[in-house]
Amino acid sequence: MQYVKKYITVGAYHTPEGKTIPKFLIIDDEHKIVIDSLITSCRAASTKVGGSGIRYTVKIRGFEKYIYEDEGKWFIEEKIQN
């Protein structure tokens, strides 16, 4: 299975302590997806598409997903159909 790095728009807020909490993401400038909760965040590499930064493990519609923030740009690992 192949993956590509897909850049997305993320709406987040920042706490007074400096923590970033993503609240929703927008894919292809049209699909807004609400993030149910933030599970954890840590510095990590994307093993499927390359790159590194802060990896956020979030819950969306009951499923755990990763979103990445690298120098102010957000991306996901998107599966491509063969």
PDB file of N, CA and C in Angstrom:
ATOM      1  N   MET A   1       0.841  -1.171   0.000  1.00  0.00           N
ATOM      2  CA  MET A   1       0.000   0.000   0.000  1.00  0.00           C
ATOM      3  C   MET A   1       0.891   1.240   0.000  1.00  0.00           C
ATOM      4  N   GLN A   2       0.515   2.231  -0.795  1.00  0.00           N
ATOM      5  CA  GLN A   2       1.301   3.456  -0.894  1.00  0.00           C
ATOM      6  C   GLN A   2       0.576   4.615  -0.226  1.00  0.00           C
ATOM      7  N   TYR A   3       1.368   5.538   0.278  1.00  0.00           N
ATOM      8  CA  TYR A   3       0.843   6.724   0.947  1.00  0.00           C
ATOM      9  C   TYR A   3       1.511   7.963   0.375  1.00  0.00           C
ATOM     10  N   VAL A   4       0.807   9.077   0.453  1.00  0.00           N
ATOM     11  CA  VAL A   4       1.365  10.370   0.065  1.00  0.00           C
ATOM     12  C   VAL A   4       1.140  11.355   1.212  1.00  0.00           C
ATOM     13  N   LYS A   5       1.989  12.371   1.245  1.00  0.00           N
ATOM     14  CA  LYS A   5       1.837  13.436   2.230  1.00  0.00           C
ATOM     15  C   LYS A   5       0.791  14.404   1.700  1.00  0.00           C
ATOM     16  N   LYS A   6      -0.309  14.553   2.414  1.00  0.00           N
ATOM     17  CA  LYS A   6      -1.400  15.434   1.995  1.00  0.00           C
ATOM     18  C   LYS A   6      -1.482  16.586   2.985  1.00  0.00           C
ATOM     19  N   TYR A   7      -1.257  17.803   2.470  1.00  0.00           N
ATOM     20  CA  TYR A   7      -1.336  18.989   3.317  1.00  0.00           C
ATOM     21  C   TYR A   7      -2.791  19.363   3.541  1.00  0.00           C
ATOM     22  N   ILE A   8      -3.098  19.757   4.774  1.00  0.00           N
ATOM     23  CA  ILE A   8      -4.468  20.056   5.175  1.00  0.00           C
ATOM     24  C   ILE A   8      -4.493  21.358   5.970  1.00  0.00           C
ATOM     25  N   THR A   9      -5.690  21.885   6.151  1.00  0.00           N
ATOM     26  CA  THR A   9      -5.909  23.037   7.023  1.00  0.00           C
ATOM     27  C   THR A   9      -6.395  22.514   8.368  1.00  0.00           C
ATOM     28  N   VAL A  10      -5.826  23.037   9.437  1.00  0.00           N
ATOM     29  CA  VAL A  10      -6.225  22.618  10.780  1.00  0.00           C
ATOM     30  C   VAL A  10      -6.615  23.848  11.588  1.00  0.00           C
ATOM     31  N   GLY A  11      -7.759  23.758  12.256  1.00  0.00           N
ATOM     32  CA  GLY A  11      -8.176  24.786  13.204  1.00  0.00           C
ATOM     33  C   GLY A  11      -7.800  24.322  14.598  1.00  0.00           C
ATOM     34  N   ALA A  12      -7.038  25.143  15.306  1.00  0.00           N
ATOM     35  CA  ALA A  12      -6.563  24.747  16.631  1.00  0.00           C
ATOM     36  C   ALA A  12      -6.579  25.949  17.554  1.00  0.00           C
ATOM     37  N   TYR A  13      -6.531  25.686  18.829  1.00  0.00           N
ATOM     38  CA  TYR A  13      -6.333  26.784  19.764  1.00  0.00           C
ATOM     39  C   TYR A  13      -5.097  26.492  20.591  1.00  0.00           C
ATOM     40  N   HIS A  14      -4.551  27.545  21.172  1.00  0.00           N
ATOM     41  CA  HIS A  14      -3.310  27.454  21.928  1.00  0.00           C
ATOM     42  C   HIS A  14      -3.582  27.863  23.371  1.00  0.00           C
ATOM     43  N   THR A  15      -3.148  27.042  24.297  1.00  0.00           N
ATOM     44  CA  THR A  15      -3.356  27.333  25.712  1.00  0.00           C
ATOM     45  C   THR A  15      -2.326  28.357  26.185  1.00  0.00           C
ATOM     46  N   PRO A  16      -2.576  29.005  27.307  1.00  0.00           N
ATOM     47  CA  PRO A  16      -1.587  29.936  27.856  1.00  0.00           C
ATOM     48  C   PRO A  16      -0.239  29.262  28.154  1.00  0.00           C
ATOM     49  N   GLU A  17      -0.260  27.951  28.356  1.00  0.00           N
ATOM     50  CA  GLU A  17       0.978  27.212  28.614  1.00  0.00           C
ATOM     51  C   GLU A  17       1.735  26.881  27.335  1.00  0.00           C
ATOM     52  N   GLY A  18       1.155  27.195  26.176  1.00  0.00           N
ATOM     53  CA  GLY A  18       1.825  26.949  24.903  1.00  0.00           C
ATOM     54  C   GLY A  18       1.452  25.648  24.219  1.00  0.00           C
ATOM     55  N   LYS A  19       0.488  24.935  24.738  1.00  0.00           N
ATOM     56  CA  LYS A  19       0.059  23.672  24.133  1.00  0.00           C
ATOM     57  C   LYS A  19      -0.906  23.952  22.982  1.00  0.00           C
ATOM     58  N   THR A  20      -0.730  23.246  21.870  1.00  0.00           N
ATOM     59  CA  THR A  20      -1.624  23.354  20.720  1.00  0.00           C
ATOM     60  C   THR A  20      -2.639  22.226  20.779  1.00  0.00           C
ATOM     61  N   ILE A  21      -3.919  22.573  20.619  1.00  0.00           N
ATOM     62  CA  ILE A  21      -4.988  21.576  20.653  1.00  0.00           C
ATOM     63  C   ILE A  21      -5.793  21.689  19.362  1.00  0.00           C
ATOM     64  N   PRO A  22      -5.585  20.754  18.413  1.00  0.00           N
ATOM     65  CA  PRO A  22      -6.349  20.795  17.165  1.00  0.00           C
ATOM     66  C   PRO A  22      -7.818  20.468  17.412  1.00  0.00           C
ATOM     67  N   LYS A  23      -8.725  21.221  16.766  1.00  0.00           N
ATOM     68  CA  LYS A  23     -10.164  21.045  16.967  1.00  0.00           C
ATOM     69  C   LYS A  23     -10.892  20.543  15.719  1.00  0.00           C
ATOM     70  N   PHE A  24     -10.394  20.893  14.533  1.00  0.00           N
ATOM     71  CA  PHE A  24     -10.996  20.399  13.295  1.00  0.00           C
ATOM     72  C   PHE A  24      -9.951  20.431  12.198  1.00  0.00           C
ATOM     73  N   LEU A  25     -10.217  19.681  11.134  1.00  0.00           N
ATOM     74  CA  LEU A  25      -9.353  19.734   9.959  1.00  0.00           C
ATOM     75  C   LEU A  25     -10.213  19.868   8.718  1.00  0.00           C
ATOM     76  N   ILE A  26      -9.614  20.453   7.693  1.00  0.00           N
ATOM     77  CA  ILE A  26     -10.302  20.644   6.417  1.00  0.00           C
ATOM     78  C   ILE A  26      -9.444  20.005   5.337  1.00  0.00           C
ATOM     79  N   ILE A  27     -10.058  19.091   4.588  1.00  0.00           N
ATOM     80  CA  ILE A  27      -9.369  18.380   3.515  1.00  0.00           C
ATOM     81  C   ILE A  27      -9.899  18.886   2.184  1.00  0.00           C
ATOM     82  N   ASP A  28      -8.998  19.181   1.263  1.00  0.00           N
ATOM     83  CA  ASP A  28      -9.347  19.657  -0.086  1.00  0.00           C
ATOM     84  C   ASP A  28     -10.218  20.910  -0.049  1.00  0.00           C
ATOM     85  N   ASP A  29     -10.024  21.752   0.953  1.00  0.00           N
ATOM     86  CA  ASP A  29     -10.743  23.026   1.087  1.00  0.00           C
ATOM     87  C   ASP A  29     -12.259  22.873   1.116  1.00  0.00           C
ATOM     88  N   GLU A  30     -12.766  21.676   1.418  1.00  0.00           N
ATOM     89  CA  GLU A  30     -14.223  21.525   1.432  1.00  0.00           C
ATOM     90  C   GLU A  30     -14.753  20.577   2.495  1.00  0.00           C
ATOM     91  N   HIS A  31     -13.996  19.598   2.900  1.00  0.00           N
ATOM     92  CA  HIS A  31     -14.488  18.611   3.866  1.00  0.00           C
ATOM     93  C   HIS A  31     -13.991  18.965   5.264  1.00  0.00           C
ATOM     94  N   LYS A  32     -14.867  19.532   6.088  1.00  0.00           N
ATOM     95  CA  LYS A  32     -14.513  19.876   7.467  1.00  0.00           C
ATOM     96  C   LYS A  32     -14.831  18.685   8.359  1.00  0.00           C
ATOM     97  N   ILE A  33     -13.836  18.261   9.119  1.00  0.00           N
ATOM     98  CA  ILE A  33     -13.976  17.113  10.001  1.00  0.00           C
ATOM     99  C   ILE A  33     -13.656  17.563  11.421  1.00  0.00           C
ATOM    100  N   VAL A  34     -14.592  17.357  12.321  1.00  0.00           N
ATOM    101  CA  VAL A  34     -14.408  17.746  13.717  1.00  0.00           C
ATOM    102  C   VAL A  34     -13.559  16.695  14.429  1.00  0.00           C
ATOM    103  N   ILE A  35     -12.591  17.154  15.185  1.00  0.00           N
ATOM    104  CA  ILE A  35     -11.760  16.274  16.004  1.00  0.00           C
ATOM    105  C   ILE A  35     -12.452  16.127  17.354  1.00  0.00           C
ATOM    106  N   ASP A  36     -12.764  14.887  17.720  1.00  0.00           N
ATOM    107  CA  ASP A  36     -13.470  14.635  18.975  1.00  0.00           C
ATOM    108  C   ASP A  36     -12.591  14.928  20.186  1.00  0.00           C
ATOM    109  N   SER A  37     -11.331  14.483  20.128  1.00  0.00           N
ATOM    110  CA  SER A  37     -10.436  14.725  21.256  1.00  0.00           C
ATOM    111  C   SER A  37      -8.985  14.551  20.834  1.00  0.00           C
ATOM    112  N   LEU A  38      -8.117  15.192  21.589  1.00  0.00           N
ATOM    113  CA  LEU A  38      -6.675  15.018  21.442  1.00  0.00           C
ATOM    114  C   LEU A  38      -6.253  13.956  22.441  1.00  0.00           C
ATOM    115  N   ILE A  39      -5.607  12.912  21.951  1.00  0.00           N
ATOM    116  CA  ILE A  39      -5.160  11.835  22.831  1.00  0.00           C
ATOM    117  C   ILE A  39      -3.758  12.134  23.355  1.00  0.00           C
ATOM    118  N   THR A  40      -2.841  12.457  22.440  1.00  0.00           N
ATOM    119  CA  THR A  40      -1.473  12.767  22.833  1.00  0.00           C
ATOM    120  C   THR A  40      -0.773  13.522  21.712  1.00  0.00           C
ATOM    121  N   SER A  41       0.340  14.131  22.042  1.00  0.00           N
ATOM    122  CA  SER A  41       1.190  14.758  21.032  1.00  0.00           C
ATOM    123  C   SER A  41       2.640  14.544  21.433  1.00  0.00           C
ATOM    124  N   CYS A  42       3.493  14.342  20.419  1.00  0.00           N
ATOM    125  CA  CYS A  42       4.916  14.132  20.679  1.00  0.00           C
ATOM    126  C   CYS A  42       5.695  14.409  19.397  1.00  0.00           C
ATOM    127  N   ARG A  43       6.983  14.659  19.542  1.00  0.00           N
ATOM    128  CA  ARG A  43       7.842  14.828  18.373  1.00  0.00           C
ATOM    129  C   ARG A  43       8.057  13.444  17.772  1.00  0.00           C
ATOM    130  N   ALA A  44       7.800  13.322  16.460  1.00  0.00           N
ATOM    131  CA  ALA A  44       7.911  12.015  15.813  1.00  0.00           C
ATOM    132  C   ALA A  44       8.065  12.188  14.310  1.00  0.00           C
ATOM    133  N   ALA A  45       8.546  11.138  13.675  1.00  0.00           N
ATOM    134  CA  ALA A  45       8.681  11.110  12.222  1.00  0.00           C
ATOM    135  C   ALA A  45       7.498  10.371  11.609  1.00  0.00           C
ATOM    136  N   SER A  46       7.163  10.769  10.393  1.00  0.00           N
ATOM    137  CA  SER A  46       6.161  10.036   9.620  1.00  0.00           C
ATOM    138  C   SER A  46       6.887   8.915   8.894  1.00  0.00           C
ATOM    139  N   THR A  47       6.624   7.690   9.264  1.00  0.00           N
ATOM    140  CA  THR A  47       7.330   6.562   8.662  1.00  0.00           C
ATOM    141  C   THR A  47       6.787   6.196   7.287  1.00  0.00           C
ATOM    142  N   LYS A  48       5.573   6.635   6.962  1.00  0.00           N
ATOM    143  CA  LYS A  48       4.958   6.261   5.688  1.00  0.00           C
ATOM    144  C   LYS A  48       5.266   7.234   4.560  1.00  0.00           C
ATOM    145  N   VAL A  49       5.427   8.526   4.882  1.00  0.00           N
ATOM    146  CA  VAL A  49       5.617   9.522   3.812  1.00  0.00           C
ATOM    147  C   VAL A  49       6.839  10.402   4.024  1.00  0.00           C
ATOM    148  N   GLY A  50       7.565  10.197   5.094  1.00  0.00           N
ATOM    149  CA  GLY A  50       8.735  11.019   5.381  1.00  0.00           C
ATOM    150  C   GLY A  50       8.353  12.324   6.049  1.00  0.00           C
ATOM    151  N   GLY A  51       9.338  12.978   6.579  1.00  0.00           N
ATOM    152  CA  GLY A  51       9.106  14.223   7.291  1.00  0.00           C
ATOM    153  C   GLY A  51       8.973  13.962   8.777  1.00  0.00           C
ATOM    154  N   SER A  52       9.081  15.027   9.535  1.00  0.00           N
ATOM    155  CA  SER A  52       8.945  14.899  10.980  1.00  0.00           C
ATOM    156  C   SER A  52       8.359  16.180  11.537  1.00  0.00           C
ATOM    157  N   GLY A  53       8.105  16.181  12.802  1.00  0.00           N
ATOM    158  CA  GLY A  53       7.510  17.332  13.460  1.00  0.00           C
ATOM    159  C   GLY A  53       6.767  16.864  14.682  1.00  0.00           C
ATOM    160  N   ILE A  54       5.668  17.519  14.982  1.00  0.00           N
ATOM    161  CA  ILE A  54       4.836  17.113  16.106  1.00  0.00           C
ATOM    162  C   ILE A  54       3.718  16.223  15.568  1.00  0.00           C
ATOM    163  N   ARG A  55       3.645  15.013  16.102  1.00  0.00           N
ATOM    164  CA  ARG A  55       2.574  14.093  15.712  1.00  0.00           C
ATOM    165  C   ARG A  55       1.478  14.170  16.768  1.00  0.00           C
ATOM    166  N   TYR A  56       0.273  14.468  16.313  1.00  0.00           N
ATOM    167  CA  TYR A  56      -0.892  14.532  17.188  1.00  0.00           C
ATOM    168  C   TYR A  56      -1.723  13.277  16.956  1.00  0.00           C
ATOM    169  N   THR A  57      -1.971  12.534  18.004  1.00  0.00           N
ATOM    170  CA  THR A  57      -2.890  11.403  17.933  1.00  0.00           C
ATOM    171  C   THR A  57      -4.240  11.938  18.375  1.00  0.00           C
ATOM    172  N   VAL A  58      -5.202  11.880  17.460  1.00  0.00           N
ATOM    173  CA  VAL A  58      -6.520  12.448  17.726  1.00  0.00           C
ATOM    174  C   VAL A  58      -7.591  11.378  17.534  1.00  0.00           C
ATOM    175  N   LYS A  59      -8.751  11.625  18.101  1.00  0.00           N
ATOM    176  CA  LYS A  59      -9.891  10.729  17.903  1.00  0.00           C
ATOM    177  C   LYS A  59     -10.890  11.447  17.013  1.00  0.00           C
ATOM    178  N   ILE A  60     -11.230  10.797  15.891  1.00  0.00           N
ATOM    179  CA  ILE A  60     -12.200  11.320  14.934  1.00  0.00           C
ATOM    180  C   ILE A  60     -13.226  10.225  14.677  1.00  0.00           C
ATOM    181  N   ARG A  61     -14.481  10.505  15.001  1.00  0.00           N
ATOM    182  CA  ARG A  61     -15.577   9.542  14.797  1.00  0.00           C
ATOM    183  C   ARG A  61     -15.261   8.171  15.395  1.00  0.00           C
ATOM    184  N   GLY A  62     -14.613   8.171  16.554  1.00  0.00           N
ATOM    185  CA  GLY A  62     -14.314   6.931  17.252  1.00  0.00           C
ATOM    186  C   GLY A  62     -13.022   6.245  16.848  1.00  0.00           C
ATOM    187  N   PHE A  63     -12.301   6.772  15.859  1.00  0.00           N
ATOM    188  CA  PHE A  63     -11.063   6.161  15.388  1.00  0.00           C
ATOM    189  C   PHE A  63      -9.865   7.036  15.743  1.00  0.00           C
ATOM    190  N   GLU A  64      -8.753   6.390  16.109  1.00  0.00           N
ATOM    191  CA  GLU A  64      -7.517   7.120  16.351  1.00  0.00           C
ATOM    192  C   GLU A  64      -6.827   7.389  15.026  1.00  0.00           C
ATOM    193  N   LYS A  65      -6.423   8.639  14.818  1.00  0.00           N
ATOM    194  CA  LYS A  65      -5.743   9.056  13.592  1.00  0.00           C
ATOM    195  C   LYS A  65      -4.538   9.909  13.965  1.00  0.00           C
ATOM    196  N   TYR A  66      -3.547   9.957  13.065  1.00  0.00           N
ATOM    197  CA  TYR A  66      -2.393  10.831  13.242  1.00  0.00           C
ATOM    198  C   TYR A  66      -2.533  12.034  12.326  1.00  0.00           C
ATOM    199  N   ILE A  67      -2.228  13.211  12.856  1.00  0.00           N
ATOM    200  CA  ILE A  67      -2.010  14.391  12.033  1.00  0.00           C
ATOM    201  C   ILE A  67      -0.672  14.974  12.473  1.00  0.00           C
ATOM    202  N   TYR A  68       0.030  15.572  11.536  1.00  0.00           N
ATOM    203  CA  TYR A  68       1.376  16.067  11.796  1.00  0.00           C
ATOM    204  C   TYR A  68       1.440  17.567  11.561  1.00  0.00           C
ATOM    205  N   GLU A  69       2.237  18.248  12.392  1.00  0.00           N
ATOM    206  CA  GLU A  69       2.504  19.674  12.211  1.00  0.00           C
ATOM    207  C   GLU A  69       4.009  19.834  12.097  1.00  0.00           C
ATOM    208  N   ASP A  70       4.450  20.398  10.969  1.00  0.00           N
ATOM    209  CA  ASP A  70       5.872  20.576  10.700  1.00  0.00           C
ATOM    210  C   ASP A  70       6.116  22.016  10.268  1.00  0.00           C
ATOM    211  N   GLU A  71       6.702  22.807  11.149  1.00  0.00           N
ATOM    212  CA  GLU A  71       7.021  24.210  10.874  1.00  0.00           C
ATOM    213  C   GLU A  71       5.798  24.988  10.399  1.00  0.00           C
ATOM    214  N   GLY A  72       4.685  24.793  11.082  1.00  0.00           N
ATOM    215  CA  GLY A  72       3.467  25.542  10.779  1.00  0.00           C
ATOM    216  C   GLY A  72       2.602  24.966   9.675  1.00  0.00           C
ATOM    217  N   LYS A  73       3.053  23.882   9.033  1.00  0.00           N
ATOM    218  CA  LYS A  73       2.250  23.226   7.999  1.00  0.00           C
ATOM    219  C   LYS A  73       1.767  21.889   8.545  1.00  0.00           C
ATOM    220  N   TRP A  74       0.502  21.576   8.259  1.00  0.00           N
ATOM    221  CA  TRP A  74      -0.124  20.355   8.758  1.00  0.00           C
ATOM    222  C   TRP A  74      -0.293  19.358   7.620  1.00  0.00           C
ATOM    223  N   PHE A  75      -0.104  18.055   7.921  1.00  0.00           N
ATOM    224  CA  PHE A  75      -0.331  17.032   6.901  1.00  0.00           C
ATOM    225  C   PHE A  75      -0.814  15.738   7.527  1.00  0.00           C
ATOM    226  N   ILE A  76      -1.381  14.900   6.656  1.00  0.00           N
ATOM    227  CA  ILE A  76      -1.784  13.544   7.017  1.00  0.00           C
ATOM    228  C   ILE A  76      -1.105  12.578   6.057  1.00  0.00           C
ATOM    229  N   GLU A  77      -1.099  11.305   6.411  1.00  0.00           N
ATOM    230  CA  GLU A  77      -0.615  10.247   5.528  1.00  0.00           C
ATOM    231  C   GLU A  77      -1.838   9.689   4.809  1.00  0.00           C
ATOM    232  N   GLU A  78      -1.957   9.987   3.520  1.00  0.00           N
ATOM    233  CA  GLU A  78      -3.142   9.571   2.768  1.00  0.00           C
ATOM    234  C   GLU A  78      -2.827   8.352   1.910  1.00  0.00           C
ATOM    235  N   LYS A  79      -3.683   7.330   2.019  1.00  0.00           N
ATOM    236  CA  LYS A  79      -3.554   6.138   1.172  1.00  0.00           C
ATOM    237  C   LYS A  79      -3.926   6.493  -0.255  1.00  0.00           C
ATOM    238  N   ILE A  80      -3.166   5.960  -1.206  1.00  0.00           N
ATOM    239  CA  ILE A  80      -3.546   6.140  -2.608  1.00  0.00           C
ATOM    240  C   ILE A  80      -3.914   4.779  -3.185  1.00  0.00           C
ATOM    241  N   GLN A  81      -4.903   4.801  -4.049  1.00  0.00           N
ATOM    242  CA  GLN A  81      -5.377   3.568  -4.679  1.00  0.00           C
ATOM    243  C   GLN A  81      -4.459   3.204  -5.833  1.00  0.00           C
ATOM    244  N   ASN A  82      -4.143   1.941  -5.940  1.00  0.00           N
ATOM    245  CA  ASN A  82      -3.311   1.456  -7.055  1.00  0.00           C
ATOM    246  C   ASN A  82      -4.175   0.953  -8.175  1.00  0.00           C
TER     247      ASN A  82
END
